[in-house]
Amino acid sequence: AVDLHRADDADDLQTQWTPPALLRSFADRGPRALVQLPDGTVGWVDRERLGDASPDADPWAAIQRGSRTDAVGAGSLTTAAQAARARLGRPYRWGGNTDDAADCSGFVQSVVFQASGVLLPKNTKDQRATGARVATEDIGPGDLVFVRGRDSRLSHVGLALPSPAGTTVVHSCLSRRQILEESLGDFLDRYDFLGARRPVAWTDA
């Protein structure tokens, strides 16, 4: 994965992107380049990971992005559930966005993109402003559920999925250091609820 750092001289991970991908490059500073990823995130990467490209057209024009008011696309909830559950037990990593390790927003972003082709923002705050609003009592499979930790006060997001026992939430949990699945009720009981959004018009919801 291409690691995106917050500063040109630091190794704190902001996010990642799985190559190949075309990035926008803005500036060079020593061994680092300031770039923008397809999801809009800006940060610094090691120049040795980059090659030159001059596409004839905007390569990002075909990317389907979430709406601020509506569900979009036609994603497969079955594919989302398979992709999410295949990563259960894998480690939490701050800024991570790969199959091997991810933070909460990176996990949601990558699973939704894989299942629907809809590219959500990377940041939890931005994801919370994407898609149709969903009332607490209407949360269902495919919805993003946003909460805040009662001790850390950090914002957190999980993906609601169907299960034989009812709606569950799969999320990359900082406190438990892994990707896990739990009932929607248990998830909401452990956090302060902030809201829910439906970013994708799932075809099999």
C-alpha atoms as a PDB file:
ATOM      1  CA  ALA A   1       0.000   0.000   0.000  1.00  0.00           C
ATOM      2  CA  VAL A   2       1.009   3.607  -0.527  1.00  0.00           C
ATOM      3  CA  ASP A   3       1.343   5.209   2.906  1.00  0.00           C
ATOM      4  CA  LEU A   4       0.144   8.799   3.131  1.00  0.00           C
ATOM      5  CA  HIS A   5       1.771  10.801   5.939  1.00  0.00           C
ATOM      6  CA  ARG A   6       0.542  13.963   7.605  1.00  0.00           C
ATOM      7  CA  ALA A   7       3.877  15.784   7.290  1.00  0.00           C
ATOM      8  CA  ASP A   8       6.854  15.682   4.945  1.00  0.00           C
ATOM      9  CA  ASP A   9       9.225  14.750   7.759  1.00  0.00           C
ATOM     10  CA  ALA A  10       7.078  12.449   9.920  1.00  0.00           C
ATOM     11  CA  ASP A  11       5.968   8.836   9.789  1.00  0.00           C
ATOM     12  CA  ASP A  12       2.543   9.168  11.423  1.00  0.00           C
ATOM     13  CA  LEU A  13       0.109   7.457   9.071  1.00  0.00           C
ATOM     14  CA  GLN A  14      -2.791   9.535   7.795  1.00  0.00           C
ATOM     15  CA  THR A  15      -4.234   6.943   5.439  1.00  0.00           C
ATOM     16  CA  GLN A  16      -3.275   4.440   2.768  1.00  0.00           C
ATOM     17  CA  TRP A  17      -4.179   3.659  -0.810  1.00  0.00           C
ATOM     18  CA  THR A  18      -3.812   0.313  -2.520  1.00  0.00           C
ATOM     19  CA  PRO A  19      -2.045   0.729  -5.870  1.00  0.00           C
ATOM     20  CA  PRO A  20      -2.246   1.066  -8.751  1.00  0.00           C
ATOM     21  CA  ALA A  21      -3.876   4.496  -8.762  1.00  0.00           C
ATOM     22  CA  LEU A  22      -3.324   7.863 -10.364  1.00  0.00           C
ATOM     23  CA  LEU A  23      -2.584  10.579  -7.790  1.00  0.00           C
ATOM     24  CA  ARG A  24      -2.357  14.340  -8.135  1.00  0.00           C
ATOM     25  CA  SER A  25       1.094  15.644  -7.231  1.00  0.00           C
ATOM     26  CA  PHE A  26       1.500  19.198  -5.926  1.00  0.00           C
ATOM     27  CA  ALA A  27       5.020  19.614  -4.569  1.00  0.00           C
ATOM     28  CA  ASP A  28       8.264  17.857  -3.714  1.00  0.00           C
ATOM     29  CA  ARG A  29      10.189  18.190  -0.473  1.00  0.00           C
ATOM     30  CA  GLY A  30      13.238  15.962  -0.202  1.00  0.00           C
ATOM     31  CA  PRO A  31      12.234  12.313  -0.471  1.00  0.00           C
ATOM     32  CA  ARG A  32       8.533  13.126  -0.048  1.00  0.00           C
ATOM     33  CA  ALA A  33       5.881  14.403  -2.446  1.00  0.00           C
ATOM     34  CA  LEU A  34       2.652  16.177  -1.539  1.00  0.00           C
ATOM     35  CA  VAL A  35      -0.187  14.335  -3.296  1.00  0.00           C
ATOM     36  CA  GLN A  36      -3.946  13.937  -3.348  1.00  0.00           C
ATOM     37  CA  LEU A  37      -5.537  10.487  -3.374  1.00  0.00           C
ATOM     38  CA  PRO A  38      -8.653   9.683  -5.433  1.00  0.00           C
ATOM     39  CA  ASP A  39     -10.794  10.060  -2.275  1.00  0.00           C
ATOM     40  CA  GLY A  40      -9.610  13.659  -1.880  1.00  0.00           C
ATOM     41  CA  THR A  41      -7.201  13.124   1.029  1.00  0.00           C
ATOM     42  CA  VAL A  42      -3.999  15.198   0.812  1.00  0.00           C
ATOM     43  CA  GLY A  43      -0.707  14.176   2.402  1.00  0.00           C
ATOM     44  CA  TRP A  44       2.893  13.171   1.857  1.00  0.00           C
ATOM     45  CA  VAL A  45       4.177   9.978   0.237  1.00  0.00           C
ATOM     46  CA  ASP A  46       7.637   8.579  -0.411  1.00  0.00           C
ATOM     47  CA  ARG A  47       8.578   9.680  -3.918  1.00  0.00           C
ATOM     48  CA  GLU A  48      10.138   6.307  -4.678  1.00  0.00           C
ATOM     49  CA  ARG A  49       6.606   4.836  -4.671  1.00  0.00           C
ATOM     50  CA  LEU A  50       5.509   7.134  -7.506  1.00  0.00           C
ATOM     51  CA  GLY A  51       5.905   7.080 -11.261  1.00  0.00           C
ATOM     52  CA  ASP A  52       5.099   9.742 -13.834  1.00  0.00           C
ATOM     53  CA  ALA A  53       1.796   9.665 -15.714  1.00  0.00           C
ATOM     54  CA  SER A  54       0.087  12.087 -18.103  1.00  0.00           C
ATOM     55  CA  PRO A  55      -3.424  10.792 -18.826  1.00  0.00           C
ATOM     56  CA  ASP A  56      -5.368  12.252 -21.735  1.00  0.00           C
ATOM     57  CA  ALA A  57      -8.468  12.677 -19.565  1.00  0.00           C
ATOM     58  CA  ASP A  58      -9.257  13.102 -15.890  1.00  0.00           C
ATOM     59  CA  PRO A  59      -8.901   9.561 -14.484  1.00  0.00           C
ATOM     60  CA  TRP A  60     -11.089  10.432 -11.510  1.00  0.00           C
ATOM     61  CA  ALA A  61     -14.074  11.553 -13.587  1.00  0.00           C
ATOM     62  CA  ALA A  62     -15.497   8.033 -13.716  1.00  0.00           C
ATOM     63  CA  ILE A  63     -15.326   7.476  -9.941  1.00  0.00           C
ATOM     64  CA  GLN A  64     -18.765   7.418  -8.349  1.00  0.00           C
ATOM     65  CA  ARG A  65     -18.814   9.459  -5.170  1.00  0.00           C
ATOM     66  CA  GLY A  66     -21.311   9.635  -2.375  1.00  0.00           C
ATOM     67  CA  SER A  67     -24.033  12.282  -2.258  1.00  0.00           C
ATOM     68  CA  ARG A  68     -24.551  14.569   0.723  1.00  0.00           C
ATOM     69  CA  THR A  69     -28.302  13.911   0.661  1.00  0.00           C
ATOM     70  CA  ASP A  70     -29.116  10.607  -1.045  1.00  0.00           C
ATOM     71  CA  ALA A  71     -28.093   6.989  -1.391  1.00  0.00           C
ATOM     72  CA  VAL A  72     -26.397   6.386  -4.743  1.00  0.00           C
ATOM     73  CA  GLY A  73     -25.164   3.512  -6.883  1.00  0.00           C
ATOM     74  CA  ALA A  74     -26.347  -0.068  -6.913  1.00  0.00           C
ATOM     75  CA  GLY A  75     -24.057  -1.963  -4.578  1.00  0.00           C
ATOM     76  CA  SER A  76     -24.288  -5.586  -3.522  1.00  0.00           C
ATOM     77  CA  LEU A  77     -24.966  -5.943   0.187  1.00  0.00           C
ATOM     78  CA  THR A  78     -24.056  -9.628  -0.108  1.00  0.00           C
ATOM     79  CA  THR A  79     -20.612  -8.643  -1.409  1.00  0.00           C
ATOM     80  CA  ALA A  80     -20.242  -6.044   1.359  1.00  0.00           C
ATOM     81  CA  ALA A  81     -21.073  -8.625   4.029  1.00  0.00           C
ATOM     82  CA  GLN A  82     -18.634 -11.153   2.580  1.00  0.00           C
ATOM     83  CA  ALA A  83     -15.857  -8.562   2.301  1.00  0.00           C
ATOM     84  CA  ALA A  84     -16.429  -7.246   5.833  1.00  0.00           C
ATOM     85  CA  ARG A  85     -16.630 -10.644   7.500  1.00  0.00           C
ATOM     86  CA  ALA A  86     -13.542 -11.898   5.675  1.00  0.00           C
ATOM     87  CA  ARG A  87     -11.582  -9.326   7.693  1.00  0.00           C
ATOM     88  CA  LEU A  88     -12.936 -10.188  11.145  1.00  0.00           C
ATOM     89  CA  GLY A  89     -10.140 -10.526  13.700  1.00  0.00           C
ATOM     90  CA  ARG A  90      -7.637  -8.547  11.662  1.00  0.00           C
ATOM     91  CA  PRO A  91      -5.847  -5.765  13.517  1.00  0.00           C
ATOM     92  CA  TYR A  92      -6.864  -2.161  13.992  1.00  0.00           C
ATOM     93  CA  ARG A  93      -4.342   0.298  12.575  1.00  0.00           C
ATOM     94  CA  TRP A  94      -4.687   4.059  12.941  1.00  0.00           C
ATOM     95  CA  GLY A  95      -4.907   5.445   9.398  1.00  0.00           C
ATOM     96  CA  GLY A  96      -4.896   1.944   7.916  1.00  0.00           C
ATOM     97  CA  ASN A  97      -6.934   1.205   4.816  1.00  0.00           C
ATOM     98  CA  THR A  98      -5.941  -2.252   3.595  1.00  0.00           C
ATOM     99  CA  ASP A  99      -7.284  -5.798   3.876  1.00  0.00           C
ATOM    100  CA  ASP A 100      -4.548  -6.570   6.412  1.00  0.00           C
ATOM    101  CA  ALA A 101      -5.256  -3.735   8.880  1.00  0.00           C
ATOM    102  CA  ALA A 102      -7.486  -0.676   8.983  1.00  0.00           C
ATOM    103  CA  ASP A 103      -8.977   1.971  11.203  1.00  0.00           C
ATOM    104  CA  CYS A 104     -12.749   2.363  11.412  1.00  0.00           C
ATOM    105  CA  SER A 105     -13.238   4.808   8.540  1.00  0.00           C
ATOM    106  CA  GLY A 106     -10.685   3.060   6.332  1.00  0.00           C
ATOM    107  CA  PHE A 107     -12.429  -0.265   6.868  1.00  0.00           C
ATOM    108  CA  VAL A 108     -15.830   1.205   5.956  1.00  0.00           C
ATOM    109  CA  GLN A 109     -14.432   3.086   2.963  1.00  0.00           C
ATOM    110  CA  SER A 110     -12.696   0.063   1.466  1.00  0.00           C
ATOM    111  CA  VAL A 111     -15.591  -2.388   2.023  1.00  0.00           C
ATOM    112  CA  VAL A 112     -18.188  -0.016   0.553  1.00  0.00           C
ATOM    113  CA  PHE A 113     -15.952   0.746  -2.442  1.00  0.00           C
ATOM    114  CA  GLN A 114     -15.335  -2.939  -3.079  1.00  0.00           C
ATOM    115  CA  ALA A 115     -19.042  -3.801  -2.883  1.00  0.00           C
ATOM    116  CA  SER A 116     -20.537  -0.838  -4.724  1.00  0.00           C
ATOM    117  CA  GLY A 117     -17.896   1.192  -6.546  1.00  0.00           C
ATOM    118  CA  VAL A 118     -18.987   4.222  -4.485  1.00  0.00           C
ATOM    119  CA  LEU A 119     -15.944   5.990  -3.052  1.00  0.00           C
ATOM    120  CA  LEU A 120     -16.652   7.514   0.343  1.00  0.00           C
ATOM    121  CA  PRO A 121     -14.420  10.119   1.987  1.00  0.00           C
ATOM    122  CA  LYS A 122     -11.744   8.716   4.283  1.00  0.00           C
ATOM    123  CA  ASN A 123     -12.444  10.861   7.332  1.00  0.00           C
ATOM    124  CA  THR A 124     -15.237   9.797   9.708  1.00  0.00           C
ATOM    125  CA  LYS A 125     -16.554  13.352   9.950  1.00  0.00           C
ATOM    126  CA  ASP A 126     -16.861  13.558   6.157  1.00  0.00           C
ATOM    127  CA  GLN A 127     -18.461  10.106   5.946  1.00  0.00           C
ATOM    128  CA  ARG A 128     -21.049  11.288   8.457  1.00  0.00           C
ATOM    129  CA  ALA A 129     -22.118  13.953   5.945  1.00  0.00           C
ATOM    130  CA  THR A 130     -22.538  11.454   3.100  1.00  0.00           C
ATOM    131  CA  GLY A 131     -25.736   9.664   2.064  1.00  0.00           C
ATOM    132  CA  ALA A 132     -29.352   9.801   3.178  1.00  0.00           C
ATOM    133  CA  ARG A 133     -30.065  10.408   6.872  1.00  0.00           C
ATOM    134  CA  VAL A 134     -31.439   7.397   8.723  1.00  0.00           C
ATOM    135  CA  ALA A 135     -33.405   7.539  11.984  1.00  0.00           C
ATOM    136  CA  THR A 136     -32.203   5.318  14.811  1.00  0.00           C
ATOM    137  CA  GLU A 137     -35.236   3.078  14.595  1.00  0.00           C
ATOM    138  CA  ASP A 138     -34.765   2.660  10.826  1.00  0.00           C
ATOM    139  CA  ILE A 139     -31.108   1.547  10.835  1.00  0.00           C
ATOM    140  CA  GLY A 140     -30.733  -1.454   8.568  1.00  0.00           C
ATOM    141  CA  PRO A 141     -28.141  -3.452   6.639  1.00  0.00           C
ATOM    142  CA  GLY A 142     -25.795  -1.297   4.580  1.00  0.00           C
ATOM    143  CA  ASP A 143     -26.142   1.779   6.779  1.00  0.00           C
ATOM    144  CA  LEU A 144     -23.191   3.514   8.389  1.00  0.00           C
ATOM    145  CA  VAL A 145     -23.636   3.910  12.149  1.00  0.00           C
ATOM    146  CA  PHE A 146     -21.734   6.767  13.793  1.00  0.00           C
ATOM    147  CA  VAL A 147     -20.963   6.850  17.499  1.00  0.00           C
ATOM    148  CA  ARG A 148     -18.566   8.445  19.990  1.00  0.00           C
ATOM    149  CA  GLY A 149     -16.491   6.629  22.577  1.00  0.00           C
ATOM    150  CA  ARG A 150     -17.574   7.428  26.129  1.00  0.00           C
ATOM    151  CA  ASP A 151     -13.997   7.428  27.422  1.00  0.00           C
ATOM    152  CA  SER A 152     -11.949   8.538  24.412  1.00  0.00           C
ATOM    153  CA  ARG A 153     -14.633  10.860  22.962  1.00  0.00           C
ATOM    154  CA  LEU A 154     -13.345   9.867  19.525  1.00  0.00           C
ATOM    155  CA  SER A 155     -15.822   9.552  16.661  1.00  0.00           C
ATOM    156  CA  HIS A 156     -16.259   6.022  15.360  1.00  0.00           C
ATOM    157  CA  VAL A 157     -18.122   4.327  12.501  1.00  0.00           C
ATOM    158  CA  GLY A 158     -19.327   0.812  11.758  1.00  0.00           C
ATOM    159  CA  LEU A 159     -21.178  -0.867   8.889  1.00  0.00           C
ATOM    160  CA  ALA A 160     -24.546  -2.447   9.644  1.00  0.00           C
ATOM    161  CA  LEU A 161     -25.045  -5.901   8.098  1.00  0.00           C
ATOM    162  CA  PRO A 162     -27.761  -8.555   7.992  1.00  0.00           C
ATOM    163  CA  SER A 163     -27.448 -11.723  10.040  1.00  0.00           C
ATOM    164  CA  PRO A 164     -29.795 -14.561  11.018  1.00  0.00           C
ATOM    165  CA  ALA A 165     -30.057 -13.027  14.491  1.00  0.00           C
ATOM    166  CA  GLY A 166     -30.854  -9.533  13.211  1.00  0.00           C
ATOM    167  CA  THR A 167     -28.837  -6.480  12.261  1.00  0.00           C
ATOM    168  CA  THR A 168     -25.206  -6.498  13.355  1.00  0.00           C
ATOM    169  CA  VAL A 169     -22.398  -3.939  13.083  1.00  0.00           C
ATOM    170  CA  VAL A 170     -18.918  -4.765  11.806  1.00  0.00           C
ATOM    171  CA  HIS A 171     -16.276  -2.227  12.771  1.00  0.00           C
ATOM    172  CA  SER A 172     -12.563  -1.781  13.329  1.00  0.00           C
ATOM    173  CA  CYS A 173     -12.420  -1.179  17.069  1.00  0.00           C
ATOM    174  CA  LEU A 174      -9.600   0.909  18.580  1.00  0.00           C
ATOM    175  CA  SER A 175     -10.175  -0.271  22.172  1.00  0.00           C
ATOM    176  CA  ARG A 176     -10.208  -3.950  21.227  1.00  0.00           C
ATOM    177  CA  ARG A 177      -7.523  -3.513  18.554  1.00  0.00           C
ATOM    178  CA  GLN A 178      -9.302  -5.584  15.919  1.00  0.00           C
ATOM    179  CA  ILE A 179     -12.158  -5.804  13.434  1.00  0.00           C
ATOM    180  CA  LEU A 180     -15.183  -7.355  15.131  1.00  0.00           C
ATOM    181  CA  GLU A 181     -18.901  -7.963  14.712  1.00  0.00           C
ATOM    182  CA  GLU A 182     -21.583  -7.415  17.337  1.00  0.00           C
ATOM    183  CA  SER A 183     -25.310  -6.863  17.484  1.00  0.00           C
ATOM    184  CA  LEU A 184     -26.581  -3.382  16.694  1.00  0.00           C
ATOM    185  CA  GLY A 185     -28.005  -3.177  20.222  1.00  0.00           C
ATOM    186  CA  ASP A 186     -24.691  -4.032  21.875  1.00  0.00           C
ATOM    187  CA  PHE A 187     -22.858  -1.582  19.623  1.00  0.00           C
ATOM    188  CA  LEU A 188     -25.192   1.286  20.494  1.00  0.00           C
ATOM    189  CA  ASP A 189     -25.111   0.416  24.203  1.00  0.00           C
ATOM    190  CA  ARG A 190     -21.322   0.838  24.375  1.00  0.00           C
ATOM    191  CA  TYR A 191     -21.143   4.230  22.656  1.00  0.00           C
ATOM    192  CA  ASP A 192     -22.931   7.552  22.402  1.00  0.00           C
ATOM    193  CA  PHE A 193     -24.987   7.524  19.202  1.00  0.00           C
ATOM    194  CA  LEU A 194     -24.257  10.334  16.732  1.00  0.00           C
ATOM    195  CA  GLY A 195     -26.304   9.362  13.699  1.00  0.00           C
ATOM    196  CA  ALA A 196     -26.671   6.994  10.774  1.00  0.00           C
ATOM    197  CA  ARG A 197     -26.437   7.410   7.015  1.00  0.00           C
ATOM    198  CA  ARG A 198     -27.301   5.289   3.993  1.00  0.00           C
ATOM    199  CA  PRO A 199     -24.631   6.083   1.365  1.00  0.00           C
ATOM    200  CA  VAL A 200     -25.447   3.345  -1.157  1.00  0.00           C
ATOM    201  CA  ALA A 201     -28.698   2.130  -2.724  1.00  0.00           C
ATOM    202  CA  TRP A 202     -28.031  -1.528  -2.037  1.00  0.00           C
ATOM    203  CA  THR A 203     -29.655  -3.822  -4.571  1.00  0.00           C
ATOM    204  CA  ASP A 204     -30.253  -6.690  -2.158  1.00  0.00           C
ATOM    205  CA  ALA A 205     -31.037  -4.809   1.049  1.00  0.00           C
END
